C-alpha atoms as a PDB file:
ATOM      1  CA  MET A   1       0.086  -0.130   0.190  1.00  0.00           C
ATOM      2  CA  ALA A   2       1.833   3.051  -1.230  1.00  0.00           C
ATOM      3  CA  SER A   3      -0.119   6.152   0.303  1.00  0.00           C
ATOM      4  CA  ARG A   4      -2.800   6.508   2.749  1.00  0.00           C
ATOM      5  CA  PRO A   5      -5.554   4.450   3.016  1.00  0.00           C
ATOM      6  CA  LEU A   6      -9.355   5.503   2.438  1.00  0.00           C
ATOM      7  CA  ILE A   7     -11.320   5.188   4.772  1.00  0.00           C
ATOM      8  CA  ILE A   8     -15.552   5.161   4.733  1.00  0.00           C
ATOM      9  CA  GLY A   9     -17.566   5.572   7.761  1.00  0.00           C
ATOM     10  CA  ILE A  10     -21.034   4.446   7.652  1.00  0.00           C
ATOM     11  CA  ALA A  11     -23.194   5.002  10.751  1.00  0.00           C
ATOM     12  CA  GLY A  12     -26.761   5.303  11.325  1.00  0.00           C
ATOM     13  CA  GLY A  13     -29.188   3.779  13.990  1.00  0.00           C
ATOM     14  CA  THR A  14     -30.130   0.130  14.903  1.00  0.00           C
ATOM     15  CA  GLY A  15     -32.091  -1.498  12.686  1.00  0.00           C
ATOM     16  CA  SER A  16     -31.230   1.214  10.018  1.00  0.00           C
ATOM     17  CA  GLY A  17     -28.809  -1.068   7.580  1.00  0.00           C
ATOM     18  CA  LYS A  18     -26.021   0.560   7.583  1.00  0.00           C
ATOM     19  CA  SER A  19     -24.104  -2.648   8.118  1.00  0.00           C
ATOM     20  CA  THR A  20     -25.539  -3.829   5.093  1.00  0.00           C
ATOM     21  CA  VAL A  21     -24.255  -0.673   3.180  1.00  0.00           C
ATOM     22  CA  ALA A  22     -20.884  -1.419   5.038  1.00  0.00           C
ATOM     23  CA  ARG A  23     -20.486  -4.854   3.590  1.00  0.00           C
ATOM     24  CA  ARG A  24     -22.029  -3.948  -0.159  1.00  0.00           C
ATOM     25  CA  VAL A  25     -19.951  -1.359  -0.348  1.00  0.00           C
ATOM     26  CA  ALA A  26     -17.008  -3.527   0.938  1.00  0.00           C
ATOM     27  CA  ALA A  27     -17.859  -6.549  -1.476  1.00  0.00           C
ATOM     28  CA  ALA A  28     -18.546  -4.041  -4.648  1.00  0.00           C
ATOM     29  CA  ILE A  29     -14.558  -2.365  -4.229  1.00  0.00           C
ATOM     30  CA  GLU A  30     -12.668  -4.916  -6.385  1.00  0.00           C
ATOM     31  CA  GLY A  31      -9.072  -4.530  -7.313  1.00  0.00           C
ATOM     32  CA  ALA A  32      -7.962  -2.725  -4.302  1.00  0.00           C
ATOM     33  CA  SER A  33      -7.084  -4.343  -0.525  1.00  0.00           C
ATOM     34  CA  VAL A  34     -10.640  -3.702   1.822  1.00  0.00           C
ATOM     35  CA  ALA A  35     -10.241  -3.778   5.360  1.00  0.00           C
ATOM     36  CA  PHE A  36     -13.285  -4.141   7.448  1.00  0.00           C
ATOM     37  CA  LEU A  37     -14.086  -3.055  10.812  1.00  0.00           C
ATOM     38  CA  GLU A  38     -17.336  -2.603  13.216  1.00  0.00           C
ATOM     39  CA  MET A  39     -17.351  -0.478  16.151  1.00  0.00           C
ATOM     40  CA  ASP A  40     -19.943  -3.102  18.306  1.00  0.00           C
ATOM     41  CA  SER A  41     -15.437  -4.698  18.817  1.00  0.00           C
ATOM     42  CA  TYR A  42     -15.214  -1.861  20.927  1.00  0.00           C
ATOM     43  CA  TYR A  43     -17.872  -2.358  23.724  1.00  0.00           C
ATOM     44  CA  ARG A  44     -16.146  -1.816  26.999  1.00  0.00           C
ATOM     45  CA  SER A  45     -15.744  -5.442  28.819  1.00  0.00           C
ATOM     46  CA  HIS A  46     -18.085  -5.690  31.573  1.00  0.00           C
ATOM     47  CA  ALA A  47     -17.156  -9.669  33.154  1.00  0.00           C
ATOM     48  CA  GLY A  48     -18.448 -10.434  35.711  1.00  0.00           C
ATOM     49  CA  LEU A  49     -21.402  -8.196  36.507  1.00  0.00           C
ATOM     50  CA  THR A  50     -24.506  -9.838  36.993  1.00  0.00           C
ATOM     51  CA  MET A  51     -27.419 -10.552  34.571  1.00  0.00           C
ATOM     52  CA  GLU A  52     -29.425  -8.071  36.483  1.00  0.00           C
ATOM     53  CA  GLU A  53     -26.180  -5.337  36.728  1.00  0.00           C
ATOM     54  CA  LEU A  54     -25.734  -6.274  32.491  1.00  0.00           C
ATOM     55  CA  HIS A  55     -29.221  -5.383  32.084  1.00  0.00           C
ATOM     56  CA  ARG A  56     -29.373  -2.286  33.628  1.00  0.00           C
ATOM     57  CA  LEU A  57     -26.476  -0.988  31.275  1.00  0.00           C
ATOM     58  CA  ASN A  58     -27.153   1.795  28.466  1.00  0.00           C
ATOM     59  CA  TRP A  59     -25.218  -0.073  25.635  1.00  0.00           C
ATOM     60  CA  ASP A  60     -26.282   3.234  23.322  1.00  0.00           C
ATOM     61  CA  HIS A  61     -24.419   5.663  25.313  1.00  0.00           C
ATOM     62  CA  PRO A  62     -20.910   6.808  23.521  1.00  0.00           C
ATOM     63  CA  ASP A  63     -19.170   5.321  27.100  1.00  0.00           C
ATOM     64  CA  ALA A  64     -20.302   1.877  26.195  1.00  0.00           C
ATOM     65  CA  PHE A  65     -17.619   2.028  23.997  1.00  0.00           C
ATOM     66  CA  ASP A  66     -13.715   2.389  24.155  1.00  0.00           C
ATOM     67  CA  LEU A  67     -13.679   5.285  22.071  1.00  0.00           C
ATOM     68  CA  GLY A  68     -10.127   5.859  22.834  1.00  0.00           C
ATOM     69  CA  HIS A  69      -8.992   2.252  21.700  1.00  0.00           C
ATOM     70  CA  PHE A  70     -10.895   2.675  18.364  1.00  0.00           C
ATOM     71  CA  ALA A  71      -9.462   5.967  17.713  1.00  0.00           C
ATOM     72  CA  ALA A  72      -6.240   5.086  18.220  1.00  0.00           C
ATOM     73  CA  GLN A  73      -6.352   1.760  15.868  1.00  0.00           C
ATOM     74  CA  LEU A  74      -8.175   3.673  13.538  1.00  0.00           C
ATOM     75  CA  GLU A  75      -5.093   6.634  13.465  1.00  0.00           C
ATOM     76  CA  GLN A  76      -2.671   3.111  13.126  1.00  0.00           C
ATOM     77  CA  LEU A  77      -4.640   1.754  10.317  1.00  0.00           C
ATOM     78  CA  ALA A  78      -4.653   5.261   8.481  1.00  0.00           C
ATOM     79  CA  ALA A  79      -0.772   5.327   9.043  1.00  0.00           C
ATOM     80  CA  GLY A  80      -0.534   1.778   7.065  1.00  0.00           C
ATOM     81  CA  HIS A  81       0.180  -0.404  10.340  1.00  0.00           C
ATOM     82  CA  ALA A  82      -1.446  -3.423  11.218  1.00  0.00           C
ATOM     83  CA  ILE A  83      -3.748  -3.409  14.219  1.00  0.00           C
ATOM     84  CA  GLU A  84      -5.139  -6.264  16.831  1.00  0.00           C
ATOM     85  CA  ARG A  85      -8.727  -6.073  16.377  1.00  0.00           C
ATOM     86  CA  PRO A  86     -10.628  -6.736  20.107  1.00  0.00           C
ATOM     87  CA  ILE A  87     -12.940  -9.127  19.710  1.00  0.00           C
ATOM     88  CA  TYR A  88     -16.655  -8.664  22.264  1.00  0.00           C
ATOM     89  CA  ASP A  89     -18.411 -12.007  23.530  1.00  0.00           C
ATOM     90  CA  TYR A  90     -21.917 -11.000  24.300  1.00  0.00           C
ATOM     91  CA  THR A  91     -22.411 -14.404  25.734  1.00  0.00           C
ATOM     92  CA  THR A  92     -20.136 -13.219  28.343  1.00  0.00           C
ATOM     93  CA  HIS A  93     -19.829  -9.919  28.082  1.00  0.00           C
ATOM     94  CA  ALA A  94     -16.093  -9.611  27.949  1.00  0.00           C
ATOM     95  CA  ARG A  95     -13.266  -9.088  25.374  1.00  0.00           C
ATOM     96  CA  ARG A  96     -11.923 -12.413  24.820  1.00  0.00           C
ATOM     97  CA  THR A  97      -7.951 -12.452  25.170  1.00  0.00           C
ATOM     98  CA  GLU A  98      -7.773 -13.430  22.021  1.00  0.00           C
ATOM     99  CA  THR A  99      -7.539 -10.381  18.881  1.00  0.00           C
ATOM    100  CA  VAL A 100      -7.952 -10.482  15.288  1.00  0.00           C
ATOM    101  CA  ARG A 101      -5.164  -8.975  13.002  1.00  0.00           C
ATOM    102  CA  VAL A 102      -6.217  -6.540  10.562  1.00  0.00           C
ATOM    103  CA  GLU A 103      -3.543  -5.806   7.928  1.00  0.00           C
ATOM    104  CA  PRO A 104      -3.546  -2.173   6.384  1.00  0.00           C
ATOM    105  CA  ALA A 105      -5.470  -1.857   2.996  1.00  0.00           C
ATOM    106  CA  ASP A 106      -6.348   0.315   0.562  1.00  0.00           C
ATOM    107  CA  VAL A 107      -9.740   1.069   1.693  1.00  0.00           C
ATOM    108  CA  VAL A 108     -10.787   0.600   5.269  1.00  0.00           C
ATOM    109  CA  VAL A 109     -14.604   0.362   5.666  1.00  0.00           C
ATOM    110  CA  VAL A 110     -15.500   1.473   9.078  1.00  0.00           C
ATOM    111  CA  ASP A 111     -19.450   1.021  10.534  1.00  0.00           C
ATOM    112  CA  GLY A 112     -21.450   1.590  14.069  1.00  0.00           C
ATOM    113  CA  ILE A 113     -24.131   3.692  15.213  1.00  0.00           C
ATOM    114  CA  LEU A 114     -22.137   6.277  17.166  1.00  0.00           C
ATOM    115  CA  LEU A 115     -19.380   6.371  14.537  1.00  0.00           C
ATOM    116  CA  LEU A 116     -19.879   9.984  13.521  1.00  0.00           C
ATOM    117  CA  VAL A 117     -19.801  11.321  17.416  1.00  0.00           C
ATOM    118  CA  ASP A 118     -16.542  11.474  18.816  1.00  0.00           C
ATOM    119  CA  GLU A 119     -14.436  13.818  17.337  1.00  0.00           C
ATOM    120  CA  ARG A 120     -11.284  11.744  16.903  1.00  0.00           C
ATOM    121  CA  VAL A 121     -12.883   9.300  15.223  1.00  0.00           C
ATOM    122  CA  ARG A 122     -14.366  11.340  12.379  1.00  0.00           C
ATOM    123  CA  GLU A 123     -11.270  12.881  11.929  1.00  0.00           C
ATOM    124  CA  SER A 124     -10.039   9.861  10.935  1.00  0.00           C
ATOM    125  CA  LEU A 125     -12.497   9.662   7.959  1.00  0.00           C
ATOM    126  CA  ASP A 126     -12.311  10.520   4.758  1.00  0.00           C
ATOM    127  CA  VAL A 127     -16.351   9.427   3.513  1.00  0.00           C
ATOM    128  CA  LYS A 128     -18.517  10.209   5.831  1.00  0.00           C
ATOM    129  CA  VAL A 129     -21.830   8.165   5.306  1.00  0.00           C
ATOM    130  CA  PHE A 130     -25.061   8.072   7.419  1.00  0.00           C
ATOM    131  CA  VAL A 131     -27.599   5.485   6.460  1.00  0.00           C
ATOM    132  CA  ASP A 132     -31.671   6.300   7.451  1.00  0.00           C
ATOM    133  CA  ALA A 133     -34.380   4.745   7.975  1.00  0.00           C
ATOM    134  CA  ASP A 134     -38.126   5.628   9.743  1.00  0.00           C
ATOM    135  CA  ALA A 135     -38.044   4.987  13.684  1.00  0.00           C
ATOM    136  CA  ASP A 136     -40.871   2.171  13.021  1.00  0.00           C
ATOM    137  CA  ILE A 137     -38.994   0.179  10.520  1.00  0.00           C
ATOM    138  CA  ARG A 138     -35.731   0.182  12.409  1.00  0.00           C
ATOM    139  CA  LEU A 139     -37.727  -1.075  16.024  1.00  0.00           C
ATOM    140  CA  VAL A 140     -39.045  -4.220  13.709  1.00  0.00           C
ATOM    141  CA  ARG A 141     -36.117  -4.891  12.717  1.00  0.00           C
ATOM    142  CA  ARG A 142     -34.192  -4.867  15.998  1.00  0.00           C
ATOM    143  CA  ILE A 143     -36.916  -6.991  17.566  1.00  0.00           C
ATOM    144  CA  ARG A 144     -36.861  -9.324  14.604  1.00  0.00           C
ATOM    145  CA  ARG A 145     -33.001  -9.621  14.845  1.00  0.00           C
ATOM    146  CA  ASP A 146     -32.802  -9.646  19.054  1.00  0.00           C
ATOM    147  CA  MET A 147     -35.356 -12.451  19.086  1.00  0.00           C
ATOM    148  CA  ALA A 148     -34.189 -14.906  16.179  1.00  0.00           C
ATOM    149  CA  SER A 149     -30.390 -14.272  17.102  1.00  0.00           C
ATOM    150  CA  ARG A 150     -29.970 -13.173  20.237  1.00  0.00           C
ATOM    151  CA  GLY A 151     -32.815 -15.479  22.045  1.00  0.00           C
ATOM    152  CA  ARG A 152     -34.503 -12.663  23.961  1.00  0.00           C
ATOM    153  CA  GLN A 153     -38.005 -12.005  24.894  1.00  0.00           C
ATOM    154  CA  LEU A 154     -40.473  -9.094  23.064  1.00  0.00           C
ATOM    155  CA  ASP A 155     -40.885  -7.127  26.954  1.00  0.00           C
ATOM    156  CA  GLU A 156     -37.123  -6.978  27.467  1.00  0.00           C
ATOM    157  CA  ILE A 157     -36.669  -5.965  23.848  1.00  0.00           C
ATOM    158  CA  LEU A 158     -39.097  -2.938  24.155  1.00  0.00           C
ATOM    159  CA  ASP A 159     -38.034  -1.711  27.344  1.00  0.00           C
ATOM    160  CA  GLN A 160     -34.870  -1.216  26.310  1.00  0.00           C
ATOM    161  CA  TYR A 161     -36.079   0.690  23.520  1.00  0.00           C
ATOM    162  CA  VAL A 162     -38.153   2.697  25.729  1.00  0.00           C
ATOM    163  CA  HIS A 163     -35.605   3.585  28.281  1.00  0.00           C
ATOM    164  CA  THR A 164     -32.430   3.545  26.416  1.00  0.00           C
ATOM    165  CA  VAL A 165     -31.661   2.457  22.668  1.00  0.00           C
ATOM    166  CA  ARG A 166     -34.948   5.851  21.487  1.00  0.00           C
ATOM    167  CA  PRO A 167     -33.058   8.267  23.875  1.00  0.00           C
ATOM    168  CA  MET A 168     -29.860   7.388  23.072  1.00  0.00           C
ATOM    169  CA  HIS A 169     -30.490   7.706  19.002  1.00  0.00           C
ATOM    170  CA  LEU A 170     -32.407  11.160  19.886  1.00  0.00           C
ATOM    171  CA  GLN A 171     -29.637  12.947  21.984  1.00  0.00           C
ATOM    172  CA  PHE A 172     -26.378  10.947  20.361  1.00  0.00           C
ATOM    173  CA  ILE A 173     -27.206   8.963  17.034  1.00  0.00           C
ATOM    174  CA  GLU A 174     -29.950  11.452  15.135  1.00  0.00           C
ATOM    175  CA  PRO A 175     -27.711  15.020  15.478  1.00  0.00           C
ATOM    176  CA  SER A 176     -24.840  13.097  14.528  1.00  0.00           C
ATOM    177  CA  LYS A 177     -25.850  13.183  10.903  1.00  0.00           C
ATOM    178  CA  ARG A 178     -25.067  16.608  10.879  1.00  0.00           C
ATOM    179  CA  TRP A 179     -21.359  15.589  10.213  1.00  0.00           C
ATOM    180  CA  ALA A 180     -21.693  13.115   7.509  1.00  0.00           C
ATOM    181  CA  ASP A 181     -21.136  14.083   4.065  1.00  0.00           C
ATOM    182  CA  VAL A 182     -23.775  12.191   2.038  1.00  0.00           C
ATOM    183  CA  ILE A 183     -27.116  10.514   3.697  1.00  0.00           C
ATOM    184  CA  VAL A 184     -28.545   7.601   2.523  1.00  0.00           C
ATOM    185  CA  PRO A 185     -32.314   7.461   2.970  1.00  0.00           C
ATOM    186  CA  ARG A 186     -34.619   3.883   3.359  1.00  0.00           C
ATOM    187  CA  GLY A 187     -32.287   1.797   4.606  1.00  0.00           C
ATOM    188  CA  GLY A 188     -29.279  -0.761   3.494  1.00  0.00           C
ATOM    189  CA  HIS A 189     -30.976  -2.052   0.167  1.00  0.00           C
ATOM    190  CA  ASN A 190     -30.105   1.062  -1.755  1.00  0.00           C
ATOM    191  CA  THR A 191     -28.395   0.678  -5.140  1.00  0.00           C
ATOM    192  CA  VAL A 192     -28.341   3.767  -6.253  1.00  0.00           C
ATOM    193  CA  ALA A 193     -26.949   5.315  -3.322  1.00  0.00           C
ATOM    194  CA  ILE A 194     -24.494   2.563  -2.869  1.00  0.00           C
ATOM    195  CA  GLU A 195     -23.296   3.325  -6.762  1.00  0.00           C
ATOM    196  CA  MET A 196     -22.871   7.154  -5.741  1.00  0.00           C
ATOM    197  CA  ILE A 197     -20.531   6.547  -2.481  1.00  0.00           C
ATOM    198  CA  LEU A 198     -18.724   3.772  -5.188  1.00  0.00           C
ATOM    199  CA  ALA A 199     -18.181   6.904  -7.451  1.00  0.00           C
ATOM    200  CA  LYS A 200     -17.061   9.044  -4.561  1.00  0.00           C
ATOM    201  CA  ILE A 201     -14.935   6.430  -3.763  1.00  0.00           C
ATOM    202  CA  ARG A 202     -13.643   5.591  -7.023  1.00  0.00           C
ATOM    203  CA  GLN A 203     -12.876   9.782  -7.542  1.00  0.00           C
ATOM    204  CA  ARG A 204     -10.959   9.922  -3.964  1.00  0.00           C
ATOM    205  CA  LEU A 205      -8.486   6.483  -5.313  1.00  0.00           C
ATOM    206  CA  SER A 206      -8.113   8.019  -8.579  1.00  0.00           C
ATOM    207  CA  LEU A 207      -6.474  11.007  -7.056  1.00  0.00           C
ATOM    208  CA  SER A 208      -4.034   8.534  -4.861  1.00  0.00           C
ATOM    209  CA  GLY A 209      -3.266   6.598  -7.813  1.00  0.00           C
ATOM    210  CA  ALA A 210      -5.104   3.565  -6.451  1.00  0.00           C
ATOM    211  CA  PRO A 211      -6.726   0.619  -8.182  1.00  0.00           C
ATOM    212  CA  HIS A 212      -9.808   1.441 -10.281  1.00  0.00           C
ATOM    213  CA  ILE A 213     -13.450   0.436  -8.814  1.00  0.00           C
ATOM    214  CA  PRO A 214     -15.609  -1.001 -11.163  1.00  0.00           C
ATOM    215  CA  MET A 215     -19.437  -0.204 -10.989  1.00  0.00           C
ATOM    216  CA  VAL A 216     -21.652  -2.485  -8.908  1.00  0.00           C
ATOM    217  CA  SER A 217     -22.285  -4.968 -11.520  1.00  0.00           C
ATOM    218  CA  ASP A 218     -25.834  -6.640 -12.529  1.00  0.00           C
ATOM    219  CA  GLU A 219     -25.812  -9.206 -10.150  1.00  0.00           C
ATOM    220  CA  ALA A 220     -25.237  -7.090  -7.209  1.00  0.00           C
ATOM    221  CA  ARG A 221     -27.884  -5.071  -7.922  1.00  0.00           C
ATOM    222  CA  HIS A 222     -30.490  -7.891  -7.308  1.00  0.00           C
ATOM    223  CA  HIS A 223     -28.471  -9.610  -4.926  1.00  0.00           C
ATOM    224  CA  HIS A 224     -28.530  -8.950  -1.183  1.00  0.00           C
ATOM    225  CA  PRO A 225     -25.464 -10.526   0.200  1.00  0.00           C
ATOM    226  CA  HIS A 226     -26.261 -12.818   3.881  1.00  0.00           C
ATOM    227  CA  HIS A 227     -25.004 -11.032   6.852  1.00  0.00           C
ATOM    228  CA  PRO A 228     -26.565 -11.696  10.455  1.00  0.00           C
ATOM    229  CA  HIS A 229     -27.558  -7.907  10.707  1.00  0.00           C
ATOM    230  CA  ALA A 230     -29.260  -7.808   6.921  1.00  0.00           C
ATOM    231  CA  HIS A 231     -33.062  -7.484   6.432  1.00  0.00           C
ATOM    232  CA  HIS A 232     -35.327  -7.968   3.757  1.00  0.00           C
ATOM    233  CA  PRO A 233     -34.851  -4.854   1.175  1.00  0.00           C
ATOM    234  CA  ARG A 234     -38.150  -2.442   1.199  1.00  0.00           C
ATOM    235  CA  HIS A 235     -39.468  -0.958  -1.935  1.00  0.00           C
ATOM    236  CA  ALA A 236     -37.361  -0.951  -5.018  1.00  0.00           C
ATOM    237  CA  HIS A 237     -37.776   2.314  -6.268  1.00  0.00           C
ATOM    238  CA  ALA A 238     -36.390   3.813  -2.659  1.00  0.00           C
ATOM    239  CA  ALA A 239     -33.118   5.197  -3.674  1.00  0.00           C
ATOM    240  CA  HIS A 240     -31.995   8.144  -3.928  1.00  0.00           C
ATOM    241  CA  ILE A 241     -29.132  10.393  -1.833  1.00  0.00           C
ATOM    242  CA  GLU A 242     -29.054  13.514   0.202  1.00  0.00           C
ATOM    243  CA  GLU A 243     -26.458  16.028   0.702  1.00  0.00           C
ATOM    244  CA  PRO A 244     -26.698  17.180   4.401  1.00  0.00           C
ATOM    245  CA  SER A 245     -27.684  20.691   5.203  1.00  0.00           C
ATOM    246  CA  ALA A 246     -24.751  23.044   6.723  1.00  0.00           C
END
């Protein structure tokens, strides 16, 4: 890797489709090396807490994340150095002793709900994307995800949504989209929006002499890659991108 990597940050509320956008963007980048980083890997460790104490934690507040470590590792990747990414274990609510080595790459794709909240993190991002979706759609997606993949009960999910998820979204996540370069409406299967993001990536990489990135293929237009956080697409016509107002 001859020059500084292009770092793309993709933020948005729970169930917005940000992880789907991030992985589709990463998958569409051909001819260049790509590293993928999830902010969820940087939750603070809570080993030793009881289940009742864990339920009282606010997982959607910036303090739930080790933002200093996250920002430092982003800076390392930006400088062309490999990192040892932590692994957060949702069963023990603690970091594992082992880590995952992430090698430097031409493009680094990062996603997380609070990605645009912290100034240190924002400073490392060359392209800042906010994936938007209506609150009711996001809630339905969260319920389906938590019941199917995490075995949680509906009452527990709704209680958490009312007491922490929604308030933190309004206090931190929604206001953070003012920092975005582009806002993707209506969720994660917005092919036109993804092509526009890729066009911006191609433009930046062409200036740095990095490899060419082709357009999204016809197959990719109709294929939605499986991901544990991915959800069924909504209306096919929901595809445009908005520039944020000042």
